[in-house]
């Protein structure tokens, strides 16, 4: 029984990618 929208704590969903930024960042 898969669930996509699990609604975790908002803080855990933030992915800033500071250690491996893409060129635009």
PDBML (XML) file of the C-alpha atoms, coordinates in Angstrom:
<?xml version="1.0" encoding="UTF-8" ?>
<PDBx:datablock datablockName="MODEL"
   xmlns:PDBx="http://pdbml.pdb.org/schema/pdbx-v50.xsd"
   xmlns:xsi="http://www.w3.org/2001/XMLSchema-instance"
   xsi:schemaLocation="http://pdbml.pdb.org/schema/pdbx-v50.xsd pdbx-v50.xsd">
   <PDBx:atom_siteCategory>
      <PDBx:atom_site id="1">
         <PDBx:B_iso_or_equiv>0.00</PDBx:B_iso_or_equiv>
         <PDBx:Cartn_x>0.000</PDBx:Cartn_x>
         <PDBx:Cartn_y>0.000</PDBx:Cartn_y>
         <PDBx:Cartn_z>0.000</PDBx:Cartn_z>
         <PDBx:auth_asym_id>A</PDBx:auth_asym_id>
         <PDBx:auth_atom_id>CA</PDBx:auth_atom_id>
         <PDBx:auth_comp_id>UNK</PDBx:auth_comp_id>
         <PDBx:auth_seq_id>1</PDBx:auth_seq_id>
         <PDBx:group_PDB>ATOM</PDBx:group_PDB>
         <PDBx:label_alt_id xsi:nil="true" />
         <PDBx:label_asym_id>A</PDBx:label_asym_id>
         <PDBx:label_atom_id>CA</PDBx:label_atom_id>
         <PDBx:label_comp_id>UNK</PDBx:label_comp_id>
         <PDBx:label_entity_id>1</PDBx:label_entity_id>
         <PDBx:label_seq_id>1</PDBx:label_seq_id>
         <PDBx:occupancy>1.00</PDBx:occupancy>
         <PDBx:pdbx_PDB_model_num>1</PDBx:pdbx_PDB_model_num>
         <PDBx:type_symbol>C</PDBx:type_symbol>
      </PDBx:atom_site>
      <PDBx:atom_site id="2">
         <PDBx:B_iso_or_equiv>0.00</PDBx:B_iso_or_equiv>
         <PDBx:Cartn_x>2.161</PDBx:Cartn_x>
         <PDBx:Cartn_y>2.912</PDBx:Cartn_y>
         <PDBx:Cartn_z>-1.260</PDBx:Cartn_z>
         <PDBx:auth_asym_id>A</PDBx:auth_asym_id>
         <PDBx:auth_atom_id>CA</PDBx:auth_atom_id>
         <PDBx:auth_comp_id>UNK</PDBx:auth_comp_id>
         <PDBx:auth_seq_id>2</PDBx:auth_seq_id>
         <PDBx:group_PDB>ATOM</PDBx:group_PDB>
         <PDBx:label_alt_id xsi:nil="true" />
         <PDBx:label_asym_id>A</PDBx:label_asym_id>
         <PDBx:label_atom_id>CA</PDBx:label_atom_id>
         <PDBx:label_comp_id>UNK</PDBx:label_comp_id>
         <PDBx:label_entity_id>1</PDBx:label_entity_id>
         <PDBx:label_seq_id>2</PDBx:label_seq_id>
         <PDBx:occupancy>1.00</PDBx:occupancy>
         <PDBx:pdbx_PDB_model_num>1</PDBx:pdbx_PDB_model_num>
         <PDBx:type_symbol>C</PDBx:type_symbol>
      </PDBx:atom_site>
      <PDBx:atom_site id="3">
         <PDBx:B_iso_or_equiv>0.00</PDBx:B_iso_or_equiv>
         <PDBx:Cartn_x>1.747</PDBx:Cartn_x>
         <PDBx:Cartn_y>6.490</PDBx:Cartn_y>
         <PDBx:Cartn_z>-0.036</PDBx:Cartn_z>
         <PDBx:auth_asym_id>A</PDBx:auth_asym_id>
         <PDBx:auth_atom_id>CA</PDBx:auth_atom_id>
         <PDBx:auth_comp_id>UNK</PDBx:auth_comp_id>
         <PDBx:auth_seq_id>3</PDBx:auth_seq_id>
         <PDBx:group_PDB>ATOM</PDBx:group_PDB>
         <PDBx:label_alt_id xsi:nil="true" />
         <PDBx:label_asym_id>A</PDBx:label_asym_id>
         <PDBx:label_atom_id>CA</PDBx:label_atom_id>
         <PDBx:label_comp_id>UNK</PDBx:label_comp_id>
         <PDBx:label_entity_id>1</PDBx:label_entity_id>
         <PDBx:label_seq_id>3</PDBx:label_seq_id>
         <PDBx:occupancy>1.00</PDBx:occupancy>
         <PDBx:pdbx_PDB_model_num>1</PDBx:pdbx_PDB_model_num>
         <PDBx:type_symbol>C</PDBx:type_symbol>
      </PDBx:atom_site>
      <PDBx:atom_site id="4">
         <PDBx:B_iso_or_equiv>0.00</PDBx:B_iso_or_equiv>
         <PDBx:Cartn_x>3.365</PDBx:Cartn_x>
         <PDBx:Cartn_y>9.444</PDBx:Cartn_y>
         <PDBx:Cartn_z>-1.776</PDBx:Cartn_z>
         <PDBx:auth_asym_id>A</PDBx:auth_asym_id>
         <PDBx:auth_atom_id>CA</PDBx:auth_atom_id>
         <PDBx:auth_comp_id>UNK</PDBx:auth_comp_id>
         <PDBx:auth_seq_id>4</PDBx:auth_seq_id>
         <PDBx:group_PDB>ATOM</PDBx:group_PDB>
         <PDBx:label_alt_id xsi:nil="true" />
         <PDBx:label_asym_id>A</PDBx:label_asym_id>
         <PDBx:label_atom_id>CA</PDBx:label_atom_id>
         <PDBx:label_comp_id>UNK</PDBx:label_comp_id>
         <PDBx:label_entity_id>1</PDBx:label_entity_id>
         <PDBx:label_seq_id>4</PDBx:label_seq_id>
         <PDBx:occupancy>1.00</PDBx:occupancy>
         <PDBx:pdbx_PDB_model_num>1</PDBx:pdbx_PDB_model_num>
         <PDBx:type_symbol>C</PDBx:type_symbol>
      </PDBx:atom_site>
      <PDBx:atom_site id="5">
         <PDBx:B_iso_or_equiv>0.00</PDBx:B_iso_or_equiv>
         <PDBx:Cartn_x>2.089</PDBx:Cartn_x>
         <PDBx:Cartn_y>12.410</PDBx:Cartn_y>
         <PDBx:Cartn_z>0.251</PDBx:Cartn_z>
         <PDBx:auth_asym_id>A</PDBx:auth_asym_id>
         <PDBx:auth_atom_id>CA</PDBx:auth_atom_id>
         <PDBx:auth_comp_id>UNK</PDBx:auth_comp_id>
         <PDBx:auth_seq_id>5</PDBx:auth_seq_id>
         <PDBx:group_PDB>ATOM</PDBx:group_PDB>
         <PDBx:label_alt_id xsi:nil="true" />
         <PDBx:label_asym_id>A</PDBx:label_asym_id>
         <PDBx:label_atom_id>CA</PDBx:label_atom_id>
         <PDBx:label_comp_id>UNK</PDBx:label_comp_id>
         <PDBx:label_entity_id>1</PDBx:label_entity_id>
         <PDBx:label_seq_id>5</PDBx:label_seq_id>
         <PDBx:occupancy>1.00</PDBx:occupancy>
         <PDBx:pdbx_PDB_model_num>1</PDBx:pdbx_PDB_model_num>
         <PDBx:type_symbol>C</PDBx:type_symbol>
      </PDBx:atom_site>
      <PDBx:atom_site id="6">
         <PDBx:B_iso_or_equiv>0.00</PDBx:B_iso_or_equiv>
         <PDBx:Cartn_x>3.127</PDBx:Cartn_x>
         <PDBx:Cartn_y>11.379</PDBx:Cartn_y>
         <PDBx:Cartn_z>3.751</PDBx:Cartn_z>
         <PDBx:auth_asym_id>A</PDBx:auth_asym_id>
         <PDBx:auth_atom_id>CA</PDBx:auth_atom_id>
         <PDBx:auth_comp_id>UNK</PDBx:auth_comp_id>
         <PDBx:auth_seq_id>6</PDBx:auth_seq_id>
         <PDBx:group_PDB>ATOM</PDBx:group_PDB>
         <PDBx:label_alt_id xsi:nil="true" />
         <PDBx:label_asym_id>A</PDBx:label_asym_id>
         <PDBx:label_atom_id>CA</PDBx:label_atom_id>
         <PDBx:label_comp_id>UNK</PDBx:label_comp_id>
         <PDBx:label_entity_id>1</PDBx:label_entity_id>
         <PDBx:label_seq_id>6</PDBx:label_seq_id>
         <PDBx:occupancy>1.00</PDBx:occupancy>
         <PDBx:pdbx_PDB_model_num>1</PDBx:pdbx_PDB_model_num>
         <PDBx:type_symbol>C</PDBx:type_symbol>
      </PDBx:atom_site>
      <PDBx:atom_site id="7">
         <PDBx:B_iso_or_equiv>0.00</PDBx:B_iso_or_equiv>
         <PDBx:Cartn_x>3.220</PDBx:Cartn_x>
         <PDBx:Cartn_y>15.004</PDBx:Cartn_y>
         <PDBx:Cartn_z>5.022</PDBx:Cartn_z>
         <PDBx:auth_asym_id>A</PDBx:auth_asym_id>
         <PDBx:auth_atom_id>CA</PDBx:auth_atom_id>
         <PDBx:auth_comp_id>UNK</PDBx:auth_comp_id>
         <PDBx:auth_seq_id>7</PDBx:auth_seq_id>
         <PDBx:group_PDB>ATOM</PDBx:group_PDB>
         <PDBx:label_alt_id xsi:nil="true" />
         <PDBx:label_asym_id>A</PDBx:label_asym_id>
         <PDBx:label_atom_id>CA</PDBx:label_atom_id>
         <PDBx:label_comp_id>UNK</PDBx:label_comp_id>
         <PDBx:label_entity_id>1</PDBx:label_entity_id>
         <PDBx:label_seq_id>7</PDBx:label_seq_id>
         <PDBx:occupancy>1.00</PDBx:occupancy>
         <PDBx:pdbx_PDB_model_num>1</PDBx:pdbx_PDB_model_num>
         <PDBx:type_symbol>C</PDBx:type_symbol>
      </PDBx:atom_site>
      <PDBx:atom_site id="8">
         <PDBx:B_iso_or_equiv>0.00</PDBx:B_iso_or_equiv>
         <PDBx:Cartn_x>6.418</PDBx:Cartn_x>
         <PDBx:Cartn_y>14.813</PDBx:Cartn_y>
         <PDBx:Cartn_z>7.095</PDBx:Cartn_z>
         <PDBx:auth_asym_id>A</PDBx:auth_asym_id>
         <PDBx:auth_atom_id>CA</PDBx:auth_atom_id>
         <PDBx:auth_comp_id>UNK</PDBx:auth_comp_id>
         <PDBx:auth_seq_id>8</PDBx:auth_seq_id>
         <PDBx:group_PDB>ATOM</PDBx:group_PDB>
         <PDBx:label_alt_id xsi:nil="true" />
         <PDBx:label_asym_id>A</PDBx:label_asym_id>
         <PDBx:label_atom_id>CA</PDBx:label_atom_id>
         <PDBx:label_comp_id>UNK</PDBx:label_comp_id>
         <PDBx:label_entity_id>1</PDBx:label_entity_id>
         <PDBx:label_seq_id>8</PDBx:label_seq_id>
         <PDBx:occupancy>1.00</PDBx:occupancy>
         <PDBx:pdbx_PDB_model_num>1</PDBx:pdbx_PDB_model_num>
         <PDBx:type_symbol>C</PDBx:type_symbol>
      </PDBx:atom_site>
      <PDBx:atom_site id="9">
         <PDBx:B_iso_or_equiv>0.00</PDBx:B_iso_or_equiv>
         <PDBx:Cartn_x>7.686</PDBx:Cartn_x>
         <PDBx:Cartn_y>17.678</PDBx:Cartn_y>
         <PDBx:Cartn_z>9.248</PDBx:Cartn_z>
         <PDBx:auth_asym_id>A</PDBx:auth_asym_id>
         <PDBx:auth_atom_id>CA</PDBx:auth_atom_id>
         <PDBx:auth_comp_id>UNK</PDBx:auth_comp_id>
         <PDBx:auth_seq_id>9</PDBx:auth_seq_id>
         <PDBx:group_PDB>ATOM</PDBx:group_PDB>
         <PDBx:label_alt_id xsi:nil="true" />
         <PDBx:label_asym_id>A</PDBx:label_asym_id>
         <PDBx:label_atom_id>CA</PDBx:label_atom_id>
         <PDBx:label_comp_id>UNK</PDBx:label_comp_id>
         <PDBx:label_entity_id>1</PDBx:label_entity_id>
         <PDBx:label_seq_id>9</PDBx:label_seq_id>
         <PDBx:occupancy>1.00</PDBx:occupancy>
         <PDBx:pdbx_PDB_model_num>1</PDBx:pdbx_PDB_model_num>
         <PDBx:type_symbol>C</PDBx:type_symbol>
      </PDBx:atom_site>
      <PDBx:atom_site id="10">
         <PDBx:B_iso_or_equiv>0.00</PDBx:B_iso_or_equiv>
         <PDBx:Cartn_x>8.269</PDBx:Cartn_x>
         <PDBx:Cartn_y>20.600</PDBx:Cartn_y>
         <PDBx:Cartn_z>6.820</PDBx:Cartn_z>
         <PDBx:auth_asym_id>A</PDBx:auth_asym_id>
         <PDBx:auth_atom_id>CA</PDBx:auth_atom_id>
         <PDBx:auth_comp_id>UNK</PDBx:auth_comp_id>
         <PDBx:auth_seq_id>10</PDBx:auth_seq_id>
         <PDBx:group_PDB>ATOM</PDBx:group_PDB>
         <PDBx:label_alt_id xsi:nil="true" />
         <PDBx:label_asym_id>A</PDBx:label_asym_id>
         <PDBx:label_atom_id>CA</PDBx:label_atom_id>
         <PDBx:label_comp_id>UNK</PDBx:label_comp_id>
         <PDBx:label_entity_id>1</PDBx:label_entity_id>
         <PDBx:label_seq_id>10</PDBx:label_seq_id>
         <PDBx:occupancy>1.00</PDBx:occupancy>
         <PDBx:pdbx_PDB_model_num>1</PDBx:pdbx_PDB_model_num>
         <PDBx:type_symbol>C</PDBx:type_symbol>
      </PDBx:atom_site>
      <PDBx:atom_site id="11">
         <PDBx:B_iso_or_equiv>0.00</PDBx:B_iso_or_equiv>
         <PDBx:Cartn_x>11.835</PDBx:Cartn_x>
         <PDBx:Cartn_y>21.007</PDBx:Cartn_y>
         <PDBx:Cartn_z>8.069</PDBx:Cartn_z>
         <PDBx:auth_asym_id>A</PDBx:auth_asym_id>
         <PDBx:auth_atom_id>CA</PDBx:auth_atom_id>
         <PDBx:auth_comp_id>UNK</PDBx:auth_comp_id>
         <PDBx:auth_seq_id>11</PDBx:auth_seq_id>
         <PDBx:group_PDB>ATOM</PDBx:group_PDB>
         <PDBx:label_alt_id xsi:nil="true" />
         <PDBx:label_asym_id>A</PDBx:label_asym_id>
         <PDBx:label_atom_id>CA</PDBx:label_atom_id>
         <PDBx:label_comp_id>UNK</PDBx:label_comp_id>
         <PDBx:label_entity_id>1</PDBx:label_entity_id>
         <PDBx:label_seq_id>11</PDBx:label_seq_id>
         <PDBx:occupancy>1.00</PDBx:occupancy>
         <PDBx:pdbx_PDB_model_num>1</PDBx:pdbx_PDB_model_num>
         <PDBx:type_symbol>C</PDBx:type_symbol>
      </PDBx:atom_site>
      <PDBx:atom_site id="12">
         <PDBx:B_iso_or_equiv>0.00</PDBx:B_iso_or_equiv>
         <PDBx:Cartn_x>12.704</PDBx:Cartn_x>
         <PDBx:Cartn_y>17.492</PDBx:Cartn_y>
         <PDBx:Cartn_z>6.931</PDBx:Cartn_z>
         <PDBx:auth_asym_id>A</PDBx:auth_asym_id>
         <PDBx:auth_atom_id>CA</PDBx:auth_atom_id>
         <PDBx:auth_comp_id>UNK</PDBx:auth_comp_id>
         <PDBx:auth_seq_id>12</PDBx:auth_seq_id>
         <PDBx:group_PDB>ATOM</PDBx:group_PDB>
         <PDBx:label_alt_id xsi:nil="true" />
         <PDBx:label_asym_id>A</PDBx:label_asym_id>
         <PDBx:label_atom_id>CA</PDBx:label_atom_id>
         <PDBx:label_comp_id>UNK</PDBx:label_comp_id>
         <PDBx:label_entity_id>1</PDBx:label_entity_id>
         <PDBx:label_seq_id>12</PDBx:label_seq_id>
         <PDBx:occupancy>1.00</PDBx:occupancy>
         <PDBx:pdbx_PDB_model_num>1</PDBx:pdbx_PDB_model_num>
         <PDBx:type_symbol>C</PDBx:type_symbol>
      </PDBx:atom_site>
      <PDBx:atom_site id="13">
         <PDBx:B_iso_or_equiv>0.00</PDBx:B_iso_or_equiv>
         <PDBx:Cartn_x>11.526</PDBx:Cartn_x>
         <PDBx:Cartn_y>18.175</PDBx:Cartn_y>
         <PDBx:Cartn_z>3.374</PDBx:Cartn_z>
         <PDBx:auth_asym_id>A</PDBx:auth_asym_id>
         <PDBx:auth_atom_id>CA</PDBx:auth_atom_id>
         <PDBx:auth_comp_id>UNK</PDBx:auth_comp_id>
         <PDBx:auth_seq_id>13</PDBx:auth_seq_id>
         <PDBx:group_PDB>ATOM</PDBx:group_PDB>
         <PDBx:label_alt_id xsi:nil="true" />
         <PDBx:label_asym_id>A</PDBx:label_asym_id>
         <PDBx:label_atom_id>CA</PDBx:label_atom_id>
         <PDBx:label_comp_id>UNK</PDBx:label_comp_id>
         <PDBx:label_entity_id>1</PDBx:label_entity_id>
         <PDBx:label_seq_id>13</PDBx:label_seq_id>
         <PDBx:occupancy>1.00</PDBx:occupancy>
         <PDBx:pdbx_PDB_model_num>1</PDBx:pdbx_PDB_model_num>
         <PDBx:type_symbol>C</PDBx:type_symbol>
      </PDBx:atom_site>
      <PDBx:atom_site id="14">
         <PDBx:B_iso_or_equiv>0.00</PDBx:B_iso_or_equiv>
         <PDBx:Cartn_x>13.919</PDBx:Cartn_x>
         <PDBx:Cartn_y>21.061</PDBx:Cartn_y>
         <PDBx:Cartn_z>2.740</PDBx:Cartn_z>
         <PDBx:auth_asym_id>A</PDBx:auth_asym_id>
         <PDBx:auth_atom_id>CA</PDBx:auth_atom_id>
         <PDBx:auth_comp_id>UNK</PDBx:auth_comp_id>
         <PDBx:auth_seq_id>14</PDBx:auth_seq_id>
         <PDBx:group_PDB>ATOM</PDBx:group_PDB>
         <PDBx:label_alt_id xsi:nil="true" />
         <PDBx:label_asym_id>A</PDBx:label_asym_id>
         <PDBx:label_atom_id>CA</PDBx:label_atom_id>
         <PDBx:label_comp_id>UNK</PDBx:label_comp_id>
         <PDBx:label_entity_id>1</PDBx:label_entity_id>
         <PDBx:label_seq_id>14</PDBx:label_seq_id>
         <PDBx:occupancy>1.00</PDBx:occupancy>
         <PDBx:pdbx_PDB_model_num>1</PDBx:pdbx_PDB_model_num>
         <PDBx:type_symbol>C</PDBx:type_symbol>
      </PDBx:atom_site>
      <PDBx:atom_site id="15">
         <PDBx:B_iso_or_equiv>0.00</PDBx:B_iso_or_equiv>
         <PDBx:Cartn_x>16.856</PDBx:Cartn_x>
         <PDBx:Cartn_y>20.124</PDBx:Cartn_y>
         <PDBx:Cartn_z>0.561</PDBx:Cartn_z>
         <PDBx:auth_asym_id>A</PDBx:auth_asym_id>
         <PDBx:auth_atom_id>CA</PDBx:auth_atom_id>
         <PDBx:auth_comp_id>UNK</PDBx:auth_comp_id>
         <PDBx:auth_seq_id>15</PDBx:auth_seq_id>
         <PDBx:group_PDB>ATOM</PDBx:group_PDB>
         <PDBx:label_alt_id xsi:nil="true" />
         <PDBx:label_asym_id>A</PDBx:label_asym_id>
         <PDBx:label_atom_id>CA</PDBx:label_atom_id>
         <PDBx:label_comp_id>UNK</PDBx:label_comp_id>
         <PDBx:label_entity_id>1</PDBx:label_entity_id>
         <PDBx:label_seq_id>15</PDBx:label_seq_id>
         <PDBx:occupancy>1.00</PDBx:occupancy>
         <PDBx:pdbx_PDB_model_num>1</PDBx:pdbx_PDB_model_num>
         <PDBx:type_symbol>C</PDBx:type_symbol>
      </PDBx:atom_site>
      <PDBx:atom_site id="16">
         <PDBx:B_iso_or_equiv>0.00</PDBx:B_iso_or_equiv>
         <PDBx:Cartn_x>19.158</PDBx:Cartn_x>
         <PDBx:Cartn_y>23.128</PDBx:Cartn_y>
         <PDBx:Cartn_z>0.082</PDBx:Cartn_z>
         <PDBx:auth_asym_id>A</PDBx:auth_asym_id>
         <PDBx:auth_atom_id>CA</PDBx:auth_atom_id>
         <PDBx:auth_comp_id>UNK</PDBx:auth_comp_id>
         <PDBx:auth_seq_id>16</PDBx:auth_seq_id>
         <PDBx:group_PDB>ATOM</PDBx:group_PDB>
         <PDBx:label_alt_id xsi:nil="true" />
         <PDBx:label_asym_id>A</PDBx:label_asym_id>
         <PDBx:label_atom_id>CA</PDBx:label_atom_id>
         <PDBx:label_comp_id>UNK</PDBx:label_comp_id>
         <PDBx:label_entity_id>1</PDBx:label_entity_id>
         <PDBx:label_seq_id>16</PDBx:label_seq_id>
         <PDBx:occupancy>1.00</PDBx:occupancy>
         <PDBx:pdbx_PDB_model_num>1</PDBx:pdbx_PDB_model_num>
         <PDBx:type_symbol>C</PDBx:type_symbol>
      </PDBx:atom_site>
      <PDBx:atom_site id="17">
         <PDBx:B_iso_or_equiv>0.00</PDBx:B_iso_or_equiv>
         <PDBx:Cartn_x>21.939</PDBx:Cartn_x>
         <PDBx:Cartn_y>21.166</PDBx:Cartn_y>
         <PDBx:Cartn_z>-1.709</PDBx:Cartn_z>
         <PDBx:auth_asym_id>A</PDBx:auth_asym_id>
         <PDBx:auth_atom_id>CA</PDBx:auth_atom_id>
         <PDBx:auth_comp_id>UNK</PDBx:auth_comp_id>
         <PDBx:auth_seq_id>17</PDBx:auth_seq_id>
         <PDBx:group_PDB>ATOM</PDBx:group_PDB>
         <PDBx:label_alt_id xsi:nil="true" />
         <PDBx:label_asym_id>A</PDBx:label_asym_id>
         <PDBx:label_atom_id>CA</PDBx:label_atom_id>
         <PDBx:label_comp_id>UNK</PDBx:label_comp_id>
         <PDBx:label_entity_id>1</PDBx:label_entity_id>
         <PDBx:label_seq_id>17</PDBx:label_seq_id>
         <PDBx:occupancy>1.00</PDBx:occupancy>
         <PDBx:pdbx_PDB_model_num>1</PDBx:pdbx_PDB_model_num>
         <PDBx:type_symbol>C</PDBx:type_symbol>
      </PDBx:atom_site>
      <PDBx:atom_site id="18">
         <PDBx:B_iso_or_equiv>0.00</PDBx:B_iso_or_equiv>
         <PDBx:Cartn_x>24.658</PDBx:Cartn_x>
         <PDBx:Cartn_y>23.379</PDBx:Cartn_y>
         <PDBx:Cartn_z>-0.228</PDBx:Cartn_z>
         <PDBx:auth_asym_id>A</PDBx:auth_asym_id>
         <PDBx:auth_atom_id>CA</PDBx:auth_atom_id>
         <PDBx:auth_comp_id>UNK</PDBx:auth_comp_id>
         <PDBx:auth_seq_id>18</PDBx:auth_seq_id>
         <PDBx:group_PDB>ATOM</PDBx:group_PDB>
         <PDBx:label_alt_id xsi:nil="true" />
         <PDBx:label_asym_id>A</PDBx:label_asym_id>
         <PDBx:label_atom_id>CA</PDBx:label_atom_id>
         <PDBx:label_comp_id>UNK</PDBx:label_comp_id>
         <PDBx:label_entity_id>1</PDBx:label_entity_id>
         <PDBx:label_seq_id>18</PDBx:label_seq_id>
         <PDBx:occupancy>1.00</PDBx:occupancy>
         <PDBx:pdbx_PDB_model_num>1</PDBx:pdbx_PDB_model_num>
         <PDBx:type_symbol>C</PDBx:type_symbol>
      </PDBx:atom_site>
      <PDBx:atom_site id="19">
         <PDBx:B_iso_or_equiv>0.00</PDBx:B_iso_or_equiv>
         <PDBx:Cartn_x>27.331</PDBx:Cartn_x>
         <PDBx:Cartn_y>20.663</PDBx:Cartn_y>
         <PDBx:Cartn_z>-0.426</PDBx:Cartn_z>
         <PDBx:auth_asym_id>A</PDBx:auth_asym_id>
         <PDBx:auth_atom_id>CA</PDBx:auth_atom_id>
         <PDBx:auth_comp_id>UNK</PDBx:auth_comp_id>
         <PDBx:auth_seq_id>19</PDBx:auth_seq_id>
         <PDBx:group_PDB>ATOM</PDBx:group_PDB>
         <PDBx:label_alt_id xsi:nil="true" />
         <PDBx:label_asym_id>A</PDBx:label_asym_id>
         <PDBx:label_atom_id>CA</PDBx:label_atom_id>
         <PDBx:label_comp_id>UNK</PDBx:label_comp_id>
         <PDBx:label_entity_id>1</PDBx:label_entity_id>
         <PDBx:label_seq_id>19</PDBx:label_seq_id>
         <PDBx:occupancy>1.00</PDBx:occupancy>
         <PDBx:pdbx_PDB_model_num>1</PDBx:pdbx_PDB_model_num>
         <PDBx:type_symbol>C</PDBx:type_symbol>
      </PDBx:atom_site>
      <PDBx:atom_site id="20">
         <PDBx:B_iso_or_equiv>0.00</PDBx:B_iso_or_equiv>
         <PDBx:Cartn_x>26.613</PDBx:Cartn_x>
         <PDBx:Cartn_y>19.800</PDBx:Cartn_y>
         <PDBx:Cartn_z>-4.071</PDBx:Cartn_z>
         <PDBx:auth_asym_id>A</PDBx:auth_asym_id>
         <PDBx:auth_atom_id>CA</PDBx:auth_atom_id>
         <PDBx:auth_comp_id>UNK</PDBx:auth_comp_id>
         <PDBx:auth_seq_id>20</PDBx:auth_seq_id>
         <PDBx:group_PDB>ATOM</PDBx:group_PDB>
         <PDBx:label_alt_id xsi:nil="true" />
         <PDBx:label_asym_id>A</PDBx:label_asym_id>
         <PDBx:label_atom_id>CA</PDBx:label_atom_id>
         <PDBx:label_comp_id>UNK</PDBx:label_comp_id>
         <PDBx:label_entity_id>1</PDBx:label_entity_id>
         <PDBx:label_seq_id>20</PDBx:label_seq_id>
         <PDBx:occupancy>1.00</PDBx:occupancy>
         <PDBx:pdbx_PDB_model_num>1</PDBx:pdbx_PDB_model_num>
         <PDBx:type_symbol>C</PDBx:type_symbol>
      </PDBx:atom_site>
      <PDBx:atom_site id="21">
         <PDBx:B_iso_or_equiv>0.00</PDBx:B_iso_or_equiv>
         <PDBx:Cartn_x>25.075</PDBx:Cartn_x>
         <PDBx:Cartn_y>22.920</PDBx:Cartn_y>
         <PDBx:Cartn_z>-5.646</PDBx:Cartn_z>
         <PDBx:auth_asym_id>A</PDBx:auth_asym_id>
         <PDBx:auth_atom_id>CA</PDBx:auth_atom_id>
         <PDBx:auth_comp_id>UNK</PDBx:auth_comp_id>
         <PDBx:auth_seq_id>21</PDBx:auth_seq_id>
         <PDBx:group_PDB>ATOM</PDBx:group_PDB>
         <PDBx:label_alt_id xsi:nil="true" />
         <PDBx:label_asym_id>A</PDBx:label_asym_id>
         <PDBx:label_atom_id>CA</PDBx:label_atom_id>
         <PDBx:label_comp_id>UNK</PDBx:label_comp_id>
         <PDBx:label_entity_id>1</PDBx:label_entity_id>
         <PDBx:label_seq_id>21</PDBx:label_seq_id>
         <PDBx:occupancy>1.00</PDBx:occupancy>
         <PDBx:pdbx_PDB_model_num>1</PDBx:pdbx_PDB_model_num>
         <PDBx:type_symbol>C</PDBx:type_symbol>
      </PDBx:atom_site>
      <PDBx:atom_site id="22">
         <PDBx:B_iso_or_equiv>0.00</PDBx:B_iso_or_equiv>
         <PDBx:Cartn_x>24.081</PDBx:Cartn_x>
         <PDBx:Cartn_y>23.007</PDBx:Cartn_y>
         <PDBx:Cartn_z>-9.324</PDBx:Cartn_z>
         <PDBx:auth_asym_id>A</PDBx:auth_asym_id>
         <PDBx:auth_atom_id>CA</PDBx:auth_atom_id>
         <PDBx:auth_comp_id>UNK</PDBx:auth_comp_id>
         <PDBx:auth_seq_id>22</PDBx:auth_seq_id>
         <PDBx:group_PDB>ATOM</PDBx:group_PDB>
         <PDBx:label_alt_id xsi:nil="true" />
         <PDBx:label_asym_id>A</PDBx:label_asym_id>
         <PDBx:label_atom_id>CA</PDBx:label_atom_id>
         <PDBx:label_comp_id>UNK</PDBx:label_comp_id>
         <PDBx:label_entity_id>1</PDBx:label_entity_id>
         <PDBx:label_seq_id>22</PDBx:label_seq_id>
         <PDBx:occupancy>1.00</PDBx:occupancy>
         <PDBx:pdbx_PDB_model_num>1</PDBx:pdbx_PDB_model_num>
         <PDBx:type_symbol>C</PDBx:type_symbol>
      </PDBx:atom_site>
      <PDBx:atom_site id="23">
         <PDBx:B_iso_or_equiv>0.00</PDBx:B_iso_or_equiv>
         <PDBx:Cartn_x>25.597</PDBx:Cartn_x>
         <PDBx:Cartn_y>25.732</PDBx:Cartn_y>
         <PDBx:Cartn_z>-11.529</PDBx:Cartn_z>
         <PDBx:auth_asym_id>A</PDBx:auth_asym_id>
         <PDBx:auth_atom_id>CA</PDBx:auth_atom_id>
         <PDBx:auth_comp_id>UNK</PDBx:auth_comp_id>
         <PDBx:auth_seq_id>23</PDBx:auth_seq_id>
         <PDBx:group_PDB>ATOM</PDBx:group_PDB>
         <PDBx:label_alt_id xsi:nil="true" />
         <PDBx:label_asym_id>A</PDBx:label_asym_id>
         <PDBx:label_atom_id>CA</PDBx:label_atom_id>
         <PDBx:label_comp_id>UNK</PDBx:label_comp_id>
         <PDBx:label_entity_id>1</PDBx:label_entity_id>
         <PDBx:label_seq_id>23</PDBx:label_seq_id>
         <PDBx:occupancy>1.00</PDBx:occupancy>
         <PDBx:pdbx_PDB_model_num>1</PDBx:pdbx_PDB_model_num>
         <PDBx:type_symbol>C</PDBx:type_symbol>
      </PDBx:atom_site>
      <PDBx:atom_site id="24">
         <PDBx:B_iso_or_equiv>0.00</PDBx:B_iso_or_equiv>
         <PDBx:Cartn_x>22.769</PDBx:Cartn_x>
         <PDBx:Cartn_y>28.252</PDBx:Cartn_y>
         <PDBx:Cartn_z>-11.095</PDBx:Cartn_z>
         <PDBx:auth_asym_id>A</PDBx:auth_asym_id>
         <PDBx:auth_atom_id>CA</PDBx:auth_atom_id>
         <PDBx:auth_comp_id>UNK</PDBx:auth_comp_id>
         <PDBx:auth_seq_id>24</PDBx:auth_seq_id>
         <PDBx:group_PDB>ATOM</PDBx:group_PDB>
         <PDBx:label_alt_id xsi:nil="true" />
         <PDBx:label_asym_id>A</PDBx:label_asym_id>
         <PDBx:label_atom_id>CA</PDBx:label_atom_id>
         <PDBx:label_comp_id>UNK</PDBx:label_comp_id>
         <PDBx:label_entity_id>1</PDBx:label_entity_id>
         <PDBx:label_seq_id>24</PDBx:label_seq_id>
         <PDBx:occupancy>1.00</PDBx:occupancy>
         <PDBx:pdbx_PDB_model_num>1</PDBx:pdbx_PDB_model_num>
         <PDBx:type_symbol>C</PDBx:type_symbol>
      </PDBx:atom_site>
      <PDBx:atom_site id="25">
         <PDBx:B_iso_or_equiv>0.00</PDBx:B_iso_or_equiv>
         <PDBx:Cartn_x>22.946</PDBx:Cartn_x>
         <PDBx:Cartn_y>27.994</PDBx:Cartn_y>
         <PDBx:Cartn_z>-7.299</PDBx:Cartn_z>
         <PDBx:auth_asym_id>A</PDBx:auth_asym_id>
         <PDBx:auth_atom_id>CA</PDBx:auth_atom_id>
         <PDBx:auth_comp_id>UNK</PDBx:auth_comp_id>
         <PDBx:auth_seq_id>25</PDBx:auth_seq_id>
         <PDBx:group_PDB>ATOM</PDBx:group_PDB>
         <PDBx:label_alt_id xsi:nil="true" />
         <PDBx:label_asym_id>A</PDBx:label_asym_id>
         <PDBx:label_atom_id>CA</PDBx:label_atom_id>
         <PDBx:label_comp_id>UNK</PDBx:label_comp_id>
         <PDBx:label_entity_id>1</PDBx:label_entity_id>
         <PDBx:label_seq_id>25</PDBx:label_seq_id>
         <PDBx:occupancy>1.00</PDBx:occupancy>
         <PDBx:pdbx_PDB_model_num>1</PDBx:pdbx_PDB_model_num>
         <PDBx:type_symbol>C</PDBx:type_symbol>
      </PDBx:atom_site>
   </PDBx:atom_siteCategory>
</PDBx:datablock>
